[in-house]
Amino acid sequence: MSSTDPILDISFDKPVYYPGDNMKLTVSVDTKRPLNARSVMFRCRGFRNRTVSFLNKYGIAWICKDGKNELPVGRLEQKFQFELGKDCPPTYKDGKIIYKVRLEIDQPWSRPLFIEKEFKMVHKLADQKMSQVMTYTSSPRFDALFSNGQPTFKVTMPKFTLYPGETTEFKLEVENHSSSTVKKIYAELEAEPFPLYHIYGNTKAKGKMHVLVAPYSTQKFTIPFTIPTDLTASFHTCGSSLKYTMKFGLVTDSWLTTDPALALVVSIGELESEEKKDEALKTPPPPPYTA
């Protein structure tokens, strides 16, 4: 890029957007010499895998007049405002749901000059309030039979809406009815997108604890579990969805491992942006003084 090439820029009024928000967009072009051009326009798109479109807005910042294809020297700046669709799914990079703005200079007999900037769409997820904690019981399915029974366990869930960066605690009670010793318990958080994208590593987080539950005994444990900070919130819209499942299991000293014996659907909430927090914290002005 030479010192005389035009400089294109795109700026957004917010760090993140919610479906139905008004986007205020500023586009600019700085030129140090007249530029052979027919138009300057932007396009705002949201899509999945570049085939399914959720959002398609465009605007013209400049167009040539009188057939003279020349963008004059100086700074061109235009502001646009438009409403984002109310049914737009959130940004989800693993599922290739992406939102971006492209600013382009159309040049006759030349390739267009352009820049692209992505922006983030998020969803608000209402917390699933529970009047009491819930306890679930499960019997693991082992690859072999035990002579006198097998281990079972209970999982107590404090809540079903979790947030990125949050550490929660799952309480497990292991009842060992077998002659083997339970040596490990574990929990896993898995993402389950729809449609099923070709994603490797759907397991997003793991927690485990080495234990010693003797044959024919019962013990209680607490597994701390931290939700990764970069997770996309659960959503269901526009033929796409993303849900999360907490899976629990155990391992015995005979090296008999099981598939996770208990799977519970949980919701991952969206952290409120700093801008939204600031708006919520603003104190309303006092009423006008009247004599």
C-alpha atoms as a PDB file:
ATOM      1  CA  MET A   1       0.000   0.000   0.000  1.00  0.00           C
ATOM      2  CA  SER A   2       1.508   3.313  -1.098  1.00  0.00           C
ATOM      3  CA  SER A   3       1.159   6.652   0.693  1.00  0.00           C
ATOM      4  CA  THR A   4      -1.242   7.881  -1.999  1.00  0.00           C
ATOM      5  CA  ASP A   5      -3.672   4.957  -1.776  1.00  0.00           C
ATOM      6  CA  PRO A   6      -7.112   5.785  -0.327  1.00  0.00           C
ATOM      7  CA  ILE A   7      -7.758   4.907   3.307  1.00  0.00           C
ATOM      8  CA  LEU A   8     -11.108   3.226   3.984  1.00  0.00           C
ATOM      9  CA  ASP A   9     -12.622   2.909   7.442  1.00  0.00           C
ATOM     10  CA  ILE A  10     -15.741   1.518   9.118  1.00  0.00           C
ATOM     11  CA  SER A  11     -16.776   2.323  12.687  1.00  0.00           C
ATOM     12  CA  PHE A  12     -19.675   1.042  14.805  1.00  0.00           C
ATOM     13  CA  ASP A  13     -21.508   2.871  17.576  1.00  0.00           C
ATOM     14  CA  LYS A  14     -21.585  -0.181  19.888  1.00  0.00           C
ATOM     15  CA  PRO A  15     -19.247  -3.066  20.721  1.00  0.00           C
ATOM     16  CA  VAL A  16     -22.111  -5.612  20.459  1.00  0.00           C
ATOM     17  CA  TYR A  17     -25.664  -5.603  19.138  1.00  0.00           C
ATOM     18  CA  TYR A  18     -28.915  -7.326  20.035  1.00  0.00           C
ATOM     19  CA  PRO A  19     -31.509  -8.399  17.449  1.00  0.00           C
ATOM     20  CA  GLY A  20     -33.774  -5.445  16.680  1.00  0.00           C
ATOM     21  CA  ASP A  21     -31.152  -2.857  17.698  1.00  0.00           C
ATOM     22  CA  ASN A  22     -30.558   0.260  15.608  1.00  0.00           C
ATOM     23  CA  MET A  23     -27.053   0.209  14.177  1.00  0.00           C
ATOM     24  CA  LYS A  24     -25.362   3.567  13.656  1.00  0.00           C
ATOM     25  CA  LEU A  25     -22.619   3.074  11.130  1.00  0.00           C
ATOM     26  CA  THR A  26     -19.953   5.528   9.982  1.00  0.00           C
ATOM     27  CA  VAL A  27     -17.973   4.912   6.798  1.00  0.00           C
ATOM     28  CA  SER A  28     -15.160   7.086   5.471  1.00  0.00           C
ATOM     29  CA  VAL A  29     -12.688   7.321   2.619  1.00  0.00           C
ATOM     30  CA  ASP A  30      -9.594   9.563   2.686  1.00  0.00           C
ATOM     31  CA  THR A  31      -7.922  10.291  -0.647  1.00  0.00           C
ATOM     32  CA  LYS A  32      -4.770  12.243  -1.429  1.00  0.00           C
ATOM     33  CA  ARG A  33      -5.304  12.236  -5.179  1.00  0.00           C
ATOM     34  CA  PRO A  34      -8.351  12.051  -7.458  1.00  0.00           C
ATOM     35  CA  LEU A  35      -9.520   8.451  -7.724  1.00  0.00           C
ATOM     36  CA  ASN A  36     -11.083   6.810 -10.758  1.00  0.00           C
ATOM     37  CA  ALA A  37     -14.334   5.550  -9.212  1.00  0.00           C
ATOM     38  CA  ARG A  38     -18.031   5.130  -9.972  1.00  0.00           C
ATOM     39  CA  SER A  39     -19.401   4.738  -6.433  1.00  0.00           C
ATOM     40  CA  VAL A  40     -18.649   4.136  -2.767  1.00  0.00           C
ATOM     41  CA  MET A  41     -21.114   1.871  -1.012  1.00  0.00           C
ATOM     42  CA  PHE A  42     -21.396  -0.434   1.966  1.00  0.00           C
ATOM     43  CA  ARG A  43     -23.140  -3.736   2.534  1.00  0.00           C
ATOM     44  CA  CYS A  44     -24.047  -5.167   5.934  1.00  0.00           C
ATOM     45  CA  ARG A  45     -24.531  -8.931   5.967  1.00  0.00           C
ATOM     46  CA  GLY A  46     -25.231 -11.744   8.371  1.00  0.00           C
ATOM     47  CA  PHE A  47     -24.972 -15.304   7.101  1.00  0.00           C
ATOM     48  CA  ARG A  48     -24.276 -18.940   7.890  1.00  0.00           C
ATOM     49  CA  ASN A  49     -21.719 -20.778   5.791  1.00  0.00           C
ATOM     50  CA  ARG A  50     -22.126 -17.993   3.185  1.00  0.00           C
ATOM     51  CA  THR A  51     -25.306 -19.733   1.975  1.00  0.00           C
ATOM     52  CA  VAL A  52     -28.081 -18.865   4.460  1.00  0.00           C
ATOM     53  CA  SER A  53     -28.625 -15.118   4.874  1.00  0.00           C
ATOM     54  CA  PHE A  54     -30.031 -13.485   8.040  1.00  0.00           C
ATOM     55  CA  LEU A  55     -29.261  -9.846   7.286  1.00  0.00           C
ATOM     56  CA  ASN A  56     -28.691  -7.861   4.096  1.00  0.00           C
ATOM     57  CA  LYS A  57     -28.551  -4.051   4.216  1.00  0.00           C
ATOM     58  CA  TYR A  58     -26.715  -1.656   1.910  1.00  0.00           C
ATOM     59  CA  GLY A  59     -26.240   2.035   1.351  1.00  0.00           C
ATOM     60  CA  ILE A  60     -24.524   4.426  -1.077  1.00  0.00           C
ATOM     61  CA  ALA A  61     -22.026   6.863   0.419  1.00  0.00           C
ATOM     62  CA  TRP A  62     -21.093   8.498  -2.885  1.00  0.00           C
ATOM     63  CA  ILE A  63     -21.885   8.129  -6.579  1.00  0.00           C
ATOM     64  CA  CYS A  64     -20.370   9.895  -9.587  1.00  0.00           C
ATOM     65  CA  LYS A  65     -22.320  12.623 -11.350  1.00  0.00           C
ATOM     66  CA  ASP A  66     -22.519  13.708 -14.963  1.00  0.00           C
ATOM     67  CA  GLY A  67     -20.702  10.567 -16.044  1.00  0.00           C
ATOM     68  CA  LYS A  68     -17.424  11.771 -14.523  1.00  0.00           C
ATOM     69  CA  ASN A  69     -15.888   8.824 -12.720  1.00  0.00           C
ATOM     70  CA  GLU A  70     -13.756  10.756 -10.266  1.00  0.00           C
ATOM     71  CA  LEU A  71     -13.772  10.676  -6.474  1.00  0.00           C
ATOM     72  CA  PRO A  72     -12.364  14.053  -5.418  1.00  0.00           C
ATOM     73  CA  VAL A  73      -9.408  14.584  -3.078  1.00  0.00           C
ATOM     74  CA  GLY A  74     -10.221  14.862   0.609  1.00  0.00           C
ATOM     75  CA  ARG A  75     -12.320  13.065   3.164  1.00  0.00           C
ATOM     76  CA  LEU A  76     -15.645  11.468   2.397  1.00  0.00           C
ATOM     77  CA  GLU A  77     -17.632  10.529   5.509  1.00  0.00           C
ATOM     78  CA  GLN A  78     -21.210   9.334   5.713  1.00  0.00           C
ATOM     79  CA  LYS A  79     -23.343   8.115   8.620  1.00  0.00           C
ATOM     80  CA  PHE A  80     -26.081   5.521   8.254  1.00  0.00           C
ATOM     81  CA  GLN A  81     -28.670   4.143  10.625  1.00  0.00           C
ATOM     82  CA  PHE A  82     -30.826   1.061  10.173  1.00  0.00           C
ATOM     83  CA  GLU A  83     -32.577  -1.616  12.221  1.00  0.00           C
ATOM     84  CA  LEU A  84     -31.099  -5.083  12.599  1.00  0.00           C
ATOM     85  CA  GLY A  85     -33.472  -7.997  12.132  1.00  0.00           C
ATOM     86  CA  LYS A  86     -35.337  -9.170  15.224  1.00  0.00           C
ATOM     87  CA  ASP A  87     -34.762 -12.838  14.350  1.00  0.00           C
ATOM     88  CA  CYS A  88     -30.989 -12.668  13.764  1.00  0.00           C
ATOM     89  CA  PRO A  89     -29.149 -15.509  15.543  1.00  0.00           C
ATOM     90  CA  PRO A  90     -26.063 -14.590  17.591  1.00  0.00           C
ATOM     91  CA  THR A  91     -22.551 -14.655  16.235  1.00  0.00           C
ATOM     92  CA  TYR A  92     -21.227 -18.226  16.386  1.00  0.00           C
ATOM     93  CA  LYS A  93     -17.810 -18.716  14.814  1.00  0.00           C
ATOM     94  CA  ASP A  94     -17.767 -22.518  15.247  1.00  0.00           C
ATOM     95  CA  GLY A  95     -21.062 -22.697  13.396  1.00  0.00           C
ATOM     96  CA  LYS A  96     -19.882 -20.114  10.830  1.00  0.00           C
ATOM     97  CA  ILE A  97     -22.597 -17.575  11.723  1.00  0.00           C
ATOM     98  CA  ILE A  98     -20.861 -14.282  10.964  1.00  0.00           C
ATOM     99  CA  TYR A  99     -21.866 -10.626  10.690  1.00  0.00           C
ATOM    100  CA  LYS A 100     -19.757  -8.135   8.750  1.00  0.00           C
ATOM    101  CA  VAL A 101     -19.815  -4.802   6.934  1.00  0.00           C
ATOM    102  CA  ARG A 102     -18.016  -4.321   3.626  1.00  0.00           C
ATOM    103  CA  LEU A 103     -17.081  -0.847   2.353  1.00  0.00           C
ATOM    104  CA  GLU A 104     -16.249  -0.857  -1.351  1.00  0.00           C
ATOM    105  CA  ILE A 105     -15.041   1.599  -3.992  1.00  0.00           C
ATOM    106  CA  ASP A 106     -16.263   0.533  -7.415  1.00  0.00           C
ATOM    107  CA  GLN A 107     -13.634   1.336 -10.074  1.00  0.00           C
ATOM    108  CA  PRO A 108     -14.222   0.993 -13.810  1.00  0.00           C
ATOM    109  CA  TRP A 109     -11.846  -1.433 -15.499  1.00  0.00           C
ATOM    110  CA  SER A 110     -10.225  -2.286 -12.155  1.00  0.00           C
ATOM    111  CA  ARG A 111     -10.828  -4.504  -9.186  1.00  0.00           C
ATOM    112  CA  PRO A 112     -12.823  -2.815  -6.437  1.00  0.00           C
ATOM    113  CA  LEU A 113     -11.037  -1.461  -3.376  1.00  0.00           C
ATOM    114  CA  PHE A 114     -12.655  -2.619  -0.147  1.00  0.00           C
ATOM    115  CA  ILE A 115     -12.327  -3.352   3.547  1.00  0.00           C
ATOM    116  CA  GLU A 116     -14.447  -5.601   5.769  1.00  0.00           C
ATOM    117  CA  LYS A 117     -15.121  -5.442   9.495  1.00  0.00           C
ATOM    118  CA  GLU A 118     -17.009  -7.979  11.572  1.00  0.00           C
ATOM    119  CA  PHE A 119     -19.378  -7.095  14.387  1.00  0.00           C
ATOM    120  CA  LYS A 120     -20.878  -9.228  17.126  1.00  0.00           C
ATOM    121  CA  MET A 121     -24.537 -10.127  17.558  1.00  0.00           C
ATOM    122  CA  VAL A 122     -25.633 -11.504  20.931  1.00  0.00           C
ATOM    123  CA  HIS A 123     -28.863 -12.712  22.539  1.00  0.00           C
ATOM    124  CA  LYS A 124     -30.280 -12.032  25.956  1.00  0.00           C
ATOM    125  CA  LEU A 125     -31.232 -15.227  27.763  1.00  0.00           C
ATOM    126  CA  ALA A 126     -33.659 -15.086  30.646  1.00  0.00           C
ATOM    127  CA  ASP A 127     -32.361 -16.839  33.736  1.00  0.00           C
ATOM    128  CA  GLN A 128     -34.213 -20.053  34.481  1.00  0.00           C
ATOM    129  CA  LYS A 129     -35.265 -19.490  38.070  1.00  0.00           C
ATOM    130  CA  MET A 130     -35.709 -22.557  40.243  1.00  0.00           C
ATOM    131  CA  SER A 131     -37.559 -22.711  43.534  1.00  0.00           C
ATOM    132  CA  GLN A 132     -35.252 -25.479  44.716  1.00  0.00           C
ATOM    133  CA  VAL A 133     -32.141 -27.339  43.649  1.00  0.00           C
ATOM    134  CA  MET A 134     -32.723 -30.474  41.603  1.00  0.00           C
ATOM    135  CA  THR A 135     -31.202 -33.905  42.206  1.00  0.00           C
ATOM    136  CA  TYR A 136     -30.912 -36.587  39.523  1.00  0.00           C
ATOM    137  CA  THR A 137     -30.013 -40.256  39.971  1.00  0.00           C
ATOM    138  CA  SER A 138     -28.295 -42.426  37.383  1.00  0.00           C
ATOM    139  CA  SER A 139     -26.772 -45.886  37.013  1.00  0.00           C
ATOM    140  CA  PRO A 140     -23.713 -45.914  34.733  1.00  0.00           C
ATOM    141  CA  ARG A 141     -23.647 -48.410  31.869  1.00  0.00           C
ATOM    142  CA  PHE A 142     -20.391 -50.346  32.170  1.00  0.00           C
ATOM    143  CA  ASP A 143     -18.760 -52.612  29.598  1.00  0.00           C
ATOM    144  CA  ALA A 144     -18.892 -55.577  31.988  1.00  0.00           C
ATOM    145  CA  LEU A 145     -21.211 -56.914  34.663  1.00  0.00           C
ATOM    146  CA  PHE A 146     -20.533 -56.678  38.387  1.00  0.00           C
ATOM    147  CA  SER A 147     -21.184 -59.682  40.579  1.00  0.00           C
ATOM    148  CA  ASN A 148     -23.185 -57.942  43.314  1.00  0.00           C
ATOM    149  CA  GLY A 149     -24.363 -54.731  41.702  1.00  0.00           C
ATOM    150  CA  GLN A 150     -22.811 -51.600  40.292  1.00  0.00           C
ATOM    151  CA  PRO A 151     -22.067 -48.009  41.315  1.00  0.00           C
ATOM    152  CA  THR A 152     -24.789 -45.407  41.080  1.00  0.00           C
ATOM    153  CA  PHE A 153     -24.640 -41.686  41.728  1.00  0.00           C
ATOM    154  CA  LYS A 154     -26.805 -38.638  42.339  1.00  0.00           C
ATOM    155  CA  VAL A 155     -26.072 -35.195  40.917  1.00  0.00           C
ATOM    156  CA  THR A 156     -27.444 -32.024  42.504  1.00  0.00           C
ATOM    157  CA  MET A 157     -27.796 -29.072  40.113  1.00  0.00           C
ATOM    158  CA  PRO A 158     -27.865 -25.635  41.784  1.00  0.00           C
ATOM    159  CA  LYS A 159     -29.202 -24.003  38.587  1.00  0.00           C
ATOM    160  CA  PHE A 160     -29.528 -24.548  34.856  1.00  0.00           C
ATOM    161  CA  THR A 161     -28.400 -21.176  33.483  1.00  0.00           C
ATOM    162  CA  LEU A 162     -24.633 -20.729  33.567  1.00  0.00           C
ATOM    163  CA  TYR A 163     -22.521 -17.798  32.378  1.00  0.00           C
ATOM    164  CA  PRO A 164     -19.109 -17.550  30.668  1.00  0.00           C
ATOM    165  CA  GLY A 165     -16.334 -17.263  33.253  1.00  0.00           C
ATOM    166  CA  GLU A 166     -18.579 -18.438  36.082  1.00  0.00           C
ATOM    167  CA  THR A 167     -17.456 -21.169  38.496  1.00  0.00           C
ATOM    168  CA  THR A 168     -20.223 -23.345  39.886  1.00  0.00           C
ATOM    169  CA  GLU A 169     -20.259 -26.470  42.056  1.00  0.00           C
ATOM    170  CA  PHE A 170     -21.926 -29.785  41.298  1.00  0.00           C
ATOM    171  CA  LYS A 171     -22.564 -32.097  44.236  1.00  0.00           C
ATOM    172  CA  LEU A 172     -22.244 -35.820  43.547  1.00  0.00           C
ATOM    173  CA  GLU A 173     -23.177 -38.670  45.880  1.00  0.00           C
ATOM    174  CA  VAL A 174     -21.648 -41.996  44.824  1.00  0.00           C
ATOM    175  CA  GLU A 175     -23.201 -45.230  46.099  1.00  0.00           C
ATOM    176  CA  ASN A 176     -20.896 -48.132  45.345  1.00  0.00           C
ATOM    177  CA  HIS A 177     -22.838 -51.416  45.359  1.00  0.00           C
ATOM    178  CA  SER A 178     -20.015 -53.342  43.644  1.00  0.00           C
ATOM    179  CA  SER A 179     -16.812 -55.093  44.697  1.00  0.00           C
ATOM    180  CA  SER A 180     -14.729 -52.590  42.704  1.00  0.00           C
ATOM    181  CA  THR A 181     -13.445 -49.224  43.931  1.00  0.00           C
ATOM    182  CA  VAL A 182     -14.612 -46.019  42.254  1.00  0.00           C
ATOM    183  CA  LYS A 183     -11.465 -44.001  41.557  1.00  0.00           C
ATOM    184  CA  LYS A 184     -12.651 -41.009  39.489  1.00  0.00           C
ATOM    185  CA  ILE A 185     -15.742 -38.921  38.872  1.00  0.00           C
ATOM    186  CA  TYR A 186     -16.015 -36.364  36.079  1.00  0.00           C
ATOM    187  CA  ALA A 187     -18.201 -33.724  34.439  1.00  0.00           C
ATOM    188  CA  GLU A 188     -18.116 -32.447  30.846  1.00  0.00           C
ATOM    189  CA  LEU A 189     -19.793 -29.540  29.063  1.00  0.00           C
ATOM    190  CA  GLU A 190     -20.640 -30.263  25.437  1.00  0.00           C
ATOM    191  CA  ALA A 191     -21.987 -28.017  22.694  1.00  0.00           C
ATOM    192  CA  GLU A 192     -24.665 -29.423  20.392  1.00  0.00           C
ATOM    193  CA  PRO A 193     -25.257 -27.168  17.366  1.00  0.00           C
ATOM    194  CA  PHE A 194     -28.000 -27.643  14.798  1.00  0.00           C
ATOM    195  CA  PRO A 195     -27.582 -28.103  11.894  1.00  0.00           C
ATOM    196  CA  LEU A 196     -24.669 -30.371  12.760  1.00  0.00           C
ATOM    197  CA  TYR A 197     -21.626 -28.462  11.566  1.00  0.00           C
ATOM    198  CA  HIS A 198     -18.348 -30.211  10.958  1.00  0.00           C
ATOM    199  CA  ILE A 199     -16.826 -29.189  14.274  1.00  0.00           C
ATOM    200  CA  TYR A 200     -14.076 -30.999  16.083  1.00  0.00           C
ATOM    201  CA  GLY A 201     -13.960 -30.836  19.843  1.00  0.00           C
ATOM    202  CA  ASN A 202     -17.571 -30.295  20.859  1.00  0.00           C
ATOM    203  CA  THR A 203     -16.466 -30.828  24.454  1.00  0.00           C
ATOM    204  CA  LYS A 204     -15.940 -27.277  25.705  1.00  0.00           C
ATOM    205  CA  ALA A 205     -14.853 -27.907  29.304  1.00  0.00           C
ATOM    206  CA  LYS A 206     -14.034 -30.783  31.639  1.00  0.00           C
ATOM    207  CA  GLY A 207     -13.865 -31.255  35.355  1.00  0.00           C
ATOM    208  CA  LYS A 208     -12.675 -34.359  37.174  1.00  0.00           C
ATOM    209  CA  MET A 209     -11.832 -35.518  40.659  1.00  0.00           C
ATOM    210  CA  HIS A 210      -9.780 -38.490  41.802  1.00  0.00           C
ATOM    211  CA  VAL A 211     -11.668 -40.214  44.583  1.00  0.00           C
ATOM    212  CA  LEU A 212     -11.633 -43.439  46.568  1.00  0.00           C
ATOM    213  CA  VAL A 213     -15.055 -44.933  47.134  1.00  0.00           C
ATOM    214  CA  ALA A 214     -14.564 -48.384  48.644  1.00  0.00           C
ATOM    215  CA  PRO A 215     -16.819 -51.309  47.735  1.00  0.00           C
ATOM    216  CA  TYR A 216     -20.258 -51.223  49.361  1.00  0.00           C
ATOM    217  CA  SER A 217     -19.880 -47.674  50.653  1.00  0.00           C
ATOM    218  CA  THR A 218     -21.270 -44.203  49.947  1.00  0.00           C
ATOM    219  CA  GLN A 219     -19.454 -40.865  49.706  1.00  0.00           C
ATOM    220  CA  LYS A 220     -20.354 -37.296  48.748  1.00  0.00           C
ATOM    221  CA  PHE A 221     -18.198 -34.961  46.652  1.00  0.00           C
ATOM    222  CA  THR A 222     -18.253 -31.447  45.214  1.00  0.00           C
ATOM    223  CA  ILE A 223     -16.796 -30.808  41.738  1.00  0.00           C
ATOM    224  CA  PRO A 224     -15.966 -27.153  40.999  1.00  0.00           C
ATOM    225  CA  PHE A 225     -16.575 -26.370  37.337  1.00  0.00           C
ATOM    226  CA  THR A 226     -15.573 -23.219  35.431  1.00  0.00           C
ATOM    227  CA  ILE A 227     -17.445 -22.200  32.282  1.00  0.00           C
ATOM    228  CA  PRO A 228     -15.065 -20.999  29.498  1.00  0.00           C
ATOM    229  CA  THR A 229     -15.186 -17.260  28.872  1.00  0.00           C
ATOM    230  CA  ASP A 230     -15.448 -17.527  25.069  1.00  0.00           C
ATOM    231  CA  LEU A 231     -18.640 -19.576  24.779  1.00  0.00           C
ATOM    232  CA  THR A 232     -21.493 -18.460  22.553  1.00  0.00           C
ATOM    233  CA  ALA A 233     -24.785 -18.206  24.431  1.00  0.00           C
ATOM    234  CA  SER A 234     -27.501 -20.802  23.837  1.00  0.00           C
ATOM    235  CA  PHE A 235     -29.951 -19.829  21.113  1.00  0.00           C
ATOM    236  CA  HIS A 236     -32.725 -21.164  18.919  1.00  0.00           C
ATOM    237  CA  THR A 237     -33.801 -19.165  15.882  1.00  0.00           C
ATOM    238  CA  CYS A 238     -33.849 -19.036  12.077  1.00  0.00           C
ATOM    239  CA  GLY A 239     -33.472 -22.774  11.616  1.00  0.00           C
ATOM    240  CA  SER A 240     -30.285 -22.782  13.701  1.00  0.00           C
ATOM    241  CA  SER A 241     -29.798 -23.615  17.345  1.00  0.00           C
ATOM    242  CA  LEU A 242     -27.079 -24.179  19.889  1.00  0.00           C
ATOM    243  CA  LYS A 243     -27.646 -26.010  23.138  1.00  0.00           C
ATOM    244  CA  TYR A 244     -25.282 -27.264  25.826  1.00  0.00           C
ATOM    245  CA  THR A 245     -25.326 -30.463  27.854  1.00  0.00           C
ATOM    246  CA  MET A 246     -23.644 -31.262  31.175  1.00  0.00           C
ATOM    247  CA  LYS A 247     -22.577 -34.905  31.260  1.00  0.00           C
ATOM    248  CA  PHE A 248     -21.491 -36.835  34.359  1.00  0.00           C
ATOM    249  CA  GLY A 249     -19.803 -40.212  34.794  1.00  0.00           C
ATOM    250  CA  LEU A 250     -17.367 -42.273  36.867  1.00  0.00           C
ATOM    251  CA  VAL A 251     -14.466 -44.726  36.509  1.00  0.00           C
ATOM    252  CA  THR A 252     -13.636 -47.799  38.645  1.00  0.00           C
ATOM    253  CA  ASP A 253     -10.288 -49.344  39.570  1.00  0.00           C
ATOM    254  CA  SER A 254     -10.859 -52.205  37.140  1.00  0.00           C
ATOM    255  CA  TRP A 255     -10.307 -49.641  34.320  1.00  0.00           C
ATOM    256  CA  LEU A 256     -13.894 -50.054  33.254  1.00  0.00           C
ATOM    257  CA  THR A 257     -14.855 -46.681  31.870  1.00  0.00           C
ATOM    258  CA  THR A 258     -18.353 -45.657  30.929  1.00  0.00           C
ATOM    259  CA  ASP A 259     -19.970 -43.275  28.584  1.00  0.00           C
ATOM    260  CA  PRO A 260     -21.317 -40.353  30.596  1.00  0.00           C
ATOM    261  CA  ALA A 261     -24.213 -41.821  32.541  1.00  0.00           C
ATOM    262  CA  LEU A 262     -26.219 -38.645  33.032  1.00  0.00           C
ATOM    263  CA  ALA A 263     -26.800 -35.835  30.521  1.00  0.00           C
ATOM    264  CA  LEU A 264     -28.624 -32.645  31.546  1.00  0.00           C
ATOM    265  CA  VAL A 265     -29.418 -29.762  29.198  1.00  0.00           C
ATOM    266  CA  VAL A 266     -28.182 -26.406  30.522  1.00  0.00           C
ATOM    267  CA  SER A 267     -28.356 -22.881  29.129  1.00  0.00           C
ATOM    268  CA  ILE A 268     -25.336 -20.644  28.623  1.00  0.00           C
ATOM    269  CA  GLY A 269     -26.327 -17.023  29.166  1.00  0.00           C
ATOM    270  CA  GLU A 270     -24.886 -13.959  27.454  1.00  0.00           C
ATOM    271  CA  LEU A 271     -22.789 -11.643  29.582  1.00  0.00           C
ATOM    272  CA  GLU A 272     -24.127  -8.106  29.521  1.00  0.00           C
ATOM    273  CA  SER A 273     -21.861  -5.741  27.615  1.00  0.00           C
ATOM    274  CA  GLU A 274     -20.100  -2.925  29.456  1.00  0.00           C
ATOM    275  CA  GLU A 275     -22.161  -0.392  27.511  1.00  0.00           C
ATOM    276  CA  LYS A 276     -25.421  -1.968  28.637  1.00  0.00           C
ATOM    277  CA  LYS A 277     -24.165  -2.046  32.233  1.00  0.00           C
ATOM    278  CA  ASP A 278     -23.279   1.646  32.052  1.00  0.00           C
ATOM    279  CA  GLU A 279     -26.741   2.480  30.767  1.00  0.00           C
ATOM    280  CA  ALA A 280     -28.344   0.513  33.596  1.00  0.00           C
ATOM    281  CA  LEU A 281     -26.212   2.272  36.203  1.00  0.00           C
ATOM    282  CA  LYS A 282     -26.997   5.786  35.010  1.00  0.00           C
ATOM    283  CA  THR A 283     -29.006   7.713  37.592  1.00  0.00           C
ATOM    284  CA  PRO A 284     -32.103   9.393  36.140  1.00  0.00           C
ATOM    285  CA  PRO A 285     -32.010  13.203  36.354  1.00  0.00           C
ATOM    286  CA  PRO A 286     -33.952  14.836  39.201  1.00  0.00           C
ATOM    287  CA  PRO A 287     -37.366  16.292  38.390  1.00  0.00           C
ATOM    288  CA  PRO A 288     -37.402  19.977  37.394  1.00  0.00           C
ATOM    289  CA  TYR A 289     -37.712  22.411  40.268  1.00  0.00           C
ATOM    290  CA  THR A 290     -41.097  24.032  40.680  1.00  0.00           C
ATOM    291  CA  ALA A 291     -41.872  26.808  43.093  1.00  0.00           C
END
